[in-house]
Amino acid sequence: MIFLLESSLRNFRKVGVFFWLPASIGILGCGETDPGKMSPEERLTYAERIYRRDCAACHGEQGDGQGPEAYRLQTKPLAFTSGHFKFKSTTSGQLPLDDDIFRSIAEGVPTTSMLPQAHLSDGEIRALVDYVKRFYPEFDSVSRARAVAVPTSPPRTDELLQLGKEMYERAGCVKCHGSDGHGDGPAADSLRDYSGRPVDIPDLTYQPRKIGTDLEDLYRIIQTGMSGTPMPSYQGVFTEKQAWALVYYLDSIAVNKWPRGMMGLVEEEVIGMRIDMRAAHALMMRRRGMGRMMDRGMVRERRKER
């Protein structure tokens, strides 16, 4: 273990990345502390400590997305105070489920500085979910929606791919995402999010996607839309067949992969490594076969069990 850490640090220094590693590996988060056994007050205090240590640099002490590192990020940190959670399983206009927030924390958001928080136990992540919800009081005053159902996918056929291409054009996807999916549609430059910031339209020809790696993730985002952005929900607009056809078409044009750098990181994940040393170290250990979770597939299995 010591040799691995020293070797990794040497690799980081070669590329000019410097960060402090705790003297004790135990505080990286190995699940030794169980917030579920704490009193509500202790659990809240413990979650606040995790938040300040691992989240506030980007999301801000007050959960407003204005942390000291936010300025350097192209994909801006979520402002929990806004209530606009982009990646969720509930319908448009509804707040996310606890499992949605859990997933974002546990798995991270690919290509962004939000790395998987693999150094935290499930119990710690659950406590953190409850803590960040406190930034948006409506969590306590509104009825919680159910997750959008994702039906079993039909066989992938040339007919469905052609239908998907037609749906891409008929639904107006071209206006924002462009005719070839490069994010260069005629309306792209004019789009703004809920706060008035320009919207970075994703290039649909590249993987991995921020929304997740599975086709079910594509189906879900078509149904839910993206809260706080111009991306609308198409729930009730598309039939199941049409939605799956669009999913297959979008998957068919995603022929490129973002170049991977050190530790296999892509795009702003590299910045996330510099900001979040604990998550970066846990990710490194995972990819070397020593982490709490070997890959995101195991995370998905845990979600199924819940």
Protein backbone atom coordinates (compact mmCIF):
# COMPACT_ATOMS: atom_id res chain seq x y z
CA MET A 1 0.00 0.00 0.00
CA ILE A 2 2.75 2.47 0.94
CA PHE A 3 4.69 1.60 -2.21
CA LEU A 4 1.60 2.19 -4.33
CA LEU A 5 0.99 5.60 -2.80
CA GLU A 6 4.61 6.64 -3.24
CA SER A 7 4.64 5.39 -6.83
CA SER A 8 1.42 7.25 -7.60
CA LEU A 9 2.76 10.45 -6.11
CA ARG A 10 5.84 10.20 -8.31
CA ASN A 11 3.56 9.87 -11.36
CA PHE A 12 1.54 12.91 -10.29
CA ARG A 13 4.70 14.99 -9.85
CA LYS A 14 5.88 14.10 -13.35
CA VAL A 15 2.88 15.89 -14.81
CA GLY A 16 2.94 18.80 -12.39
CA VAL A 17 0.06 17.72 -10.18
CA PHE A 18 0.63 18.23 -6.48
CA PHE A 19 -1.76 17.55 -3.65
CA TRP A 20 -1.66 16.52 -0.04
CA LEU A 21 -2.47 12.98 1.01
CA PRO A 22 -3.74 12.48 4.55
CA ALA A 23 -1.32 10.89 6.97
CA SER A 24 -3.87 8.25 7.79
CA ILE A 25 -5.46 6.18 5.03
CA GLY A 26 -8.41 5.59 7.32
CA ILE A 27 -9.76 9.10 6.89
CA LEU A 28 -10.07 8.62 3.15
CA GLY A 29 -13.38 6.94 3.88
CA CYS A 30 -13.37 3.18 4.18
CA GLY A 31 -16.82 2.80 5.65
CA GLU A 32 -15.62 2.42 9.24
CA THR A 33 -18.00 5.11 10.46
CA ASP A 34 -21.70 4.34 10.16
CA PRO A 35 -23.83 7.53 10.17
CA GLY A 36 -26.90 5.30 10.43
CA LYS A 37 -25.98 4.54 14.03
CA MET A 38 -25.65 8.19 14.99
CA SER A 39 -28.24 10.45 16.53
CA PRO A 40 -29.86 12.89 14.07
CA GLU A 41 -27.74 15.73 15.42
CA GLU A 42 -24.51 13.73 15.19
CA ARG A 43 -25.38 12.55 11.69
CA LEU A 44 -26.04 16.10 10.51
CA THR A 45 -22.77 17.35 11.99
CA TYR A 46 -20.89 14.46 10.42
CA ALA A 47 -22.48 15.09 7.00
CA GLU A 48 -21.68 18.79 7.25
CA ARG A 49 -18.05 17.96 7.88
CA ILE A 50 -17.97 15.72 4.77
CA TYR A 51 -19.67 18.44 2.72
CA ARG A 52 -17.23 21.14 3.79
CA ARG A 53 -14.28 18.86 3.16
CA ASP A 54 -15.31 17.28 -0.17
CA CYS A 55 -18.03 19.45 -1.75
CA ALA A 56 -17.81 23.09 -0.71
CA ALA A 57 -14.81 23.90 -2.91
CA CYS A 58 -17.08 23.77 -5.96
CA HIS A 59 -20.66 23.84 -4.66
CA GLY A 60 -20.00 26.53 -2.06
CA GLU A 61 -20.41 26.63 1.71
CA GLN A 62 -24.04 27.70 1.25
CA GLY A 63 -24.77 25.25 -1.59
CA ASP A 64 -25.11 28.07 -4.13
CA GLY A 65 -22.59 26.70 -6.63
CA GLN A 66 -20.21 29.57 -5.90
CA GLY A 67 -17.33 27.70 -4.30
CA PRO A 68 -13.78 29.07 -4.66
CA GLU A 69 -12.96 26.56 -7.43
CA ALA A 70 -16.12 27.13 -9.47
CA TYR A 71 -14.60 29.93 -11.54
CA ARG A 72 -12.25 27.56 -13.38
CA LEU A 73 -14.94 25.09 -14.46
CA GLN A 74 -16.72 25.17 -17.80
CA THR A 75 -19.45 22.86 -16.51
CA LYS A 76 -20.51 24.89 -13.50
CA PRO A 77 -21.25 23.17 -10.18
CA LEU A 78 -24.87 22.57 -9.31
CA ALA A 79 -26.43 25.22 -7.09
CA PHE A 80 -28.42 23.10 -4.65
CA THR A 81 -30.29 26.25 -3.61
CA SER A 82 -31.86 26.47 -7.07
CA GLY A 83 -33.64 23.12 -6.94
CA HIS A 84 -32.58 22.47 -10.55
CA PHE A 85 -31.12 18.97 -10.53
CA LYS A 86 -30.24 18.03 -14.10
CA PHE A 87 -29.62 14.32 -13.69
CA LYS A 88 -32.62 12.60 -12.20
CA SER A 89 -35.22 9.96 -12.87
CA THR A 90 -38.34 12.00 -12.13
CA THR A 91 -40.51 13.90 -14.58
CA SER A 92 -39.96 17.49 -15.63
CA GLY A 93 -40.66 19.97 -12.86
CA GLN A 94 -40.27 17.39 -10.11
CA LEU A 95 -37.46 17.22 -7.57
CA PRO A 96 -35.11 14.23 -7.75
CA LEU A 97 -35.39 11.10 -5.68
CA ASP A 98 -32.82 10.44 -2.99
CA ASP A 99 -31.45 7.65 -5.18
CA ASP A 100 -30.85 10.17 -7.99
CA ILE A 101 -28.69 12.37 -5.77
CA PHE A 102 -27.01 9.28 -4.36
CA ARG A 103 -26.09 8.17 -7.88
CA SER A 104 -24.59 11.53 -8.82
CA ILE A 105 -22.42 11.48 -5.71
CA ALA A 106 -21.42 7.82 -5.94
CA GLU A 107 -20.80 7.67 -9.69
CA GLY A 108 -19.93 11.27 -10.43
CA VAL A 109 -20.75 13.03 -13.69
CA PRO A 110 -18.51 11.86 -16.57
CA THR A 111 -16.35 14.49 -18.33
CA THR A 112 -16.88 17.01 -15.51
CA SER A 113 -14.96 17.83 -12.34
CA MET A 114 -17.55 15.84 -10.34
CA LEU A 115 -15.61 12.62 -9.72
CA PRO A 116 -17.12 9.45 -8.22
CA GLN A 117 -16.94 9.79 -4.44
CA ALA A 118 -15.62 6.26 -4.03
CA HIS A 119 -13.93 7.11 -0.75
CA LEU A 120 -17.32 7.47 0.96
CA SER A 121 -19.39 4.58 2.26
CA ASP A 122 -23.04 4.16 1.29
CA GLY A 123 -24.03 5.43 4.73
CA GLU A 124 -21.89 8.52 4.35
CA ILE A 125 -23.37 9.26 0.94
CA ARG A 126 -26.89 8.83 2.32
CA ALA A 127 -26.09 11.31 5.09
CA LEU A 128 -24.65 13.69 2.51
CA VAL A 129 -27.82 13.39 0.39
CA ASP A 130 -29.91 14.48 3.36
CA TYR A 131 -27.52 17.34 4.05
CA VAL A 132 -27.56 18.84 0.52
CA LYS A 133 -31.36 18.64 0.46
CA ARG A 134 -31.36 21.12 3.34
CA PHE A 135 -30.19 23.81 0.91
CA TYR A 136 -33.56 23.63 -0.86
CA PRO A 137 -36.41 23.71 1.70
CA GLU A 138 -39.04 22.61 -0.82
CA PHE A 139 -37.76 19.07 -0.41
CA ASP A 140 -39.71 19.01 2.84
CA SER A 141 -42.87 20.65 1.53
CA VAL A 142 -43.61 18.95 -1.79
CA SER A 143 -44.82 15.47 -2.55
CA ARG A 144 -42.13 13.29 -4.03
CA ALA A 145 -42.62 12.00 -7.54
CA ARG A 146 -41.89 8.50 -8.72
CA ALA A 147 -39.15 7.59 -11.14
CA VAL A 148 -40.01 7.55 -14.83
CA ALA A 149 -40.50 3.98 -15.99
CA VAL A 150 -37.94 2.73 -18.49
CA PRO A 151 -39.55 -0.08 -20.51
CA THR A 152 -37.64 -3.00 -21.90
CA SER A 153 -35.80 -2.02 -25.04
CA PRO A 154 -37.03 -3.48 -28.35
CA PRO A 155 -34.66 -5.24 -30.75
CA ARG A 156 -32.38 -2.79 -32.54
CA THR A 157 -33.23 -2.76 -36.24
CA ASP A 158 -32.47 -0.66 -39.29
CA GLU A 159 -36.13 0.37 -39.30
CA LEU A 160 -35.85 1.77 -35.78
CA LEU A 161 -32.62 3.58 -36.61
CA GLN A 162 -34.32 5.27 -39.55
CA LEU A 163 -37.31 6.17 -37.39
CA GLY A 164 -34.92 7.58 -34.78
CA LYS A 165 -33.28 9.81 -37.35
CA GLU A 166 -36.71 11.06 -38.41
CA MET A 167 -37.67 11.73 -34.76
CA TYR A 168 -34.42 13.65 -34.25
CA GLU A 169 -35.45 16.02 -37.00
CA ARG A 170 -39.18 16.15 -36.26
CA ALA A 171 -38.69 16.83 -32.54
CA GLY A 172 -36.50 19.84 -33.24
CA CYS A 173 -33.28 18.33 -31.88
CA VAL A 174 -31.48 19.81 -34.89
CA LYS A 175 -32.12 23.38 -33.68
CA CYS A 176 -29.81 22.96 -30.70
CA HIS A 177 -27.73 19.85 -31.31
CA GLY A 178 -27.18 20.40 -35.03
CA SER A 179 -27.91 18.18 -37.99
CA ASP A 180 -24.97 15.89 -37.20
CA GLY A 181 -25.21 16.11 -33.41
CA HIS A 182 -22.14 18.31 -32.88
CA GLY A 183 -23.95 20.85 -30.68
CA ASP A 184 -23.81 23.51 -33.39
CA GLY A 185 -27.48 23.99 -34.21
CA PRO A 186 -28.76 27.43 -35.27
CA ALA A 187 -30.15 28.14 -31.78
CA ALA A 188 -27.12 26.87 -29.87
CA ASP A 189 -25.40 30.21 -29.28
CA SER A 190 -28.54 31.88 -27.95
CA LEU A 191 -29.46 29.27 -25.35
CA ARG A 192 -29.33 30.15 -21.65
CA ASP A 193 -29.97 28.23 -18.44
CA TYR A 194 -32.22 29.30 -15.56
CA SER A 195 -29.54 31.68 -14.25
CA GLY A 196 -28.88 33.36 -17.59
CA ARG A 197 -25.58 31.59 -18.27
CA PRO A 198 -24.88 30.30 -21.79
CA VAL A 199 -25.66 26.62 -22.19
CA ASP A 200 -22.89 24.32 -23.38
CA ILE A 201 -24.65 22.06 -25.88
CA PRO A 202 -23.04 18.60 -25.79
CA ASP A 203 -21.53 17.01 -28.85
CA LEU A 204 -23.69 13.90 -29.16
CA THR A 205 -21.08 12.12 -31.25
CA TYR A 206 -18.79 11.69 -28.25
CA GLN A 207 -18.75 9.28 -25.32
CA PRO A 208 -18.85 9.07 -22.38
CA ARG A 209 -21.94 11.18 -21.84
CA LYS A 210 -22.61 13.26 -18.75
CA ILE A 211 -25.97 11.55 -18.27
CA GLY A 212 -24.47 8.06 -17.96
CA THR A 213 -23.15 5.19 -20.02
CA ASP A 214 -26.28 3.08 -20.54
CA LEU A 215 -28.94 3.30 -23.24
CA GLU A 216 -31.48 3.45 -20.41
CA ASP A 217 -29.86 6.73 -19.35
CA LEU A 218 -30.56 8.16 -22.82
CA TYR A 219 -34.16 6.98 -22.72
CA ARG A 220 -34.61 8.49 -19.28
CA ILE A 221 -33.22 11.93 -20.18
CA ILE A 222 -35.53 12.09 -23.20
CA GLN A 223 -38.45 11.53 -20.86
CA THR A 224 -37.34 13.79 -18.00
CA GLY A 225 -35.61 16.63 -19.81
CA MET A 226 -32.95 18.59 -17.93
CA SER A 227 -34.21 20.89 -15.21
CA GLY A 228 -33.01 24.47 -15.47
CA THR A 229 -31.95 24.12 -19.11
CA PRO A 230 -33.73 24.47 -22.48
CA MET A 231 -33.74 20.66 -22.83
CA PRO A 232 -37.47 19.80 -22.55
CA SER A 233 -39.18 16.61 -21.48
CA TYR A 234 -40.69 14.49 -24.24
CA GLN A 235 -42.74 12.37 -21.90
CA GLY A 236 -46.15 11.92 -23.49
CA VAL A 237 -44.86 13.29 -26.79
CA PHE A 238 -43.07 10.17 -28.01
CA THR A 239 -44.43 6.68 -27.93
CA GLU A 240 -42.17 4.05 -26.37
CA LYS A 241 -41.20 2.89 -29.85
CA GLN A 242 -40.34 6.42 -30.98
CA ALA A 243 -38.33 7.12 -27.84
CA TRP A 244 -36.30 3.93 -28.19
CA ALA A 245 -35.81 4.65 -31.88
CA LEU A 246 -34.32 8.03 -30.98
CA VAL A 247 -32.12 6.37 -28.35
CA TYR A 248 -30.75 3.92 -30.91
CA TYR A 249 -30.13 6.71 -33.41
CA LEU A 250 -28.27 8.84 -30.86
CA ASP A 251 -26.20 5.82 -29.88
CA SER A 252 -25.39 5.15 -33.53
CA ILE A 253 -23.86 8.60 -34.05
CA ALA A 254 -21.80 8.46 -30.83
CA VAL A 255 -18.76 7.11 -32.67
CA ASN A 256 -16.09 9.21 -30.98
CA LYS A 257 -14.52 8.92 -27.54
CA TRP A 258 -13.04 11.72 -25.51
CA PRO A 259 -9.24 11.39 -25.32
CA ARG A 260 -8.19 9.89 -22.01
CA GLY A 261 -5.30 11.32 -20.09
CA MET A 262 -3.71 10.44 -16.78
CA MET A 263 -5.62 7.80 -14.81
CA GLY A 264 -8.01 7.51 -17.76
CA LEU A 265 -9.56 10.87 -16.96
CA VAL A 266 -11.32 12.87 -19.67
CA GLU A 267 -12.09 16.55 -20.13
CA GLU A 268 -12.69 18.38 -16.80
CA GLU A 269 -12.22 15.23 -14.76
CA VAL A 270 -8.54 16.22 -14.69
CA ILE A 271 -9.44 19.49 -12.97
CA GLY A 272 -11.63 17.51 -10.59
CA MET A 273 -8.60 15.42 -9.66
CA ARG A 274 -6.68 18.54 -8.68
CA ILE A 275 -9.60 19.89 -6.65
CA ASP A 276 -10.81 16.71 -4.96
CA MET A 277 -7.76 14.76 -3.81
CA ARG A 278 -9.68 12.15 -1.84
CA ALA A 279 -11.99 11.24 -4.69
CA ALA A 280 -9.04 11.20 -7.12
CA HIS A 281 -7.05 8.89 -4.87
CA ALA A 282 -10.02 6.56 -4.33
CA LEU A 283 -10.61 6.47 -8.09
CA MET A 284 -6.97 5.59 -8.67
CA MET A 285 -7.20 2.77 -6.13
CA ARG A 286 -10.40 1.49 -7.72
CA ARG A 287 -8.88 1.39 -11.17
CA ARG A 288 -5.90 -0.49 -9.80
CA GLY A 289 -8.26 -3.09 -8.35
CA MET A 290 -8.01 -1.94 -4.72
CA GLY A 291 -11.03 0.29 -4.33
CA ARG A 292 -14.34 -0.19 -2.56
CA MET A 293 -16.05 -0.55 -5.95
CA MET A 294 -14.31 -2.02 -8.96
CA ASP A 295 -16.37 -0.20 -11.59
CA ARG A 296 -19.61 1.64 -12.19
CA GLY A 297 -21.30 -1.64 -12.99
CA MET A 298 -21.05 -2.56 -9.33
CA VAL A 299 -22.67 0.73 -8.42
CA ARG A 300 -25.57 -0.10 -10.72
CA GLU A 301 -25.93 -3.49 -9.01
CA ARG A 302 -26.13 -1.74 -5.67
CA ARG A 303 -28.88 0.51 -7.00
CA LYS A 304 -30.84 -2.56 -8.11
CA GLU A 305 -30.52 -4.08 -4.67
CA ARG A 306 -31.95 -0.95 -3.08
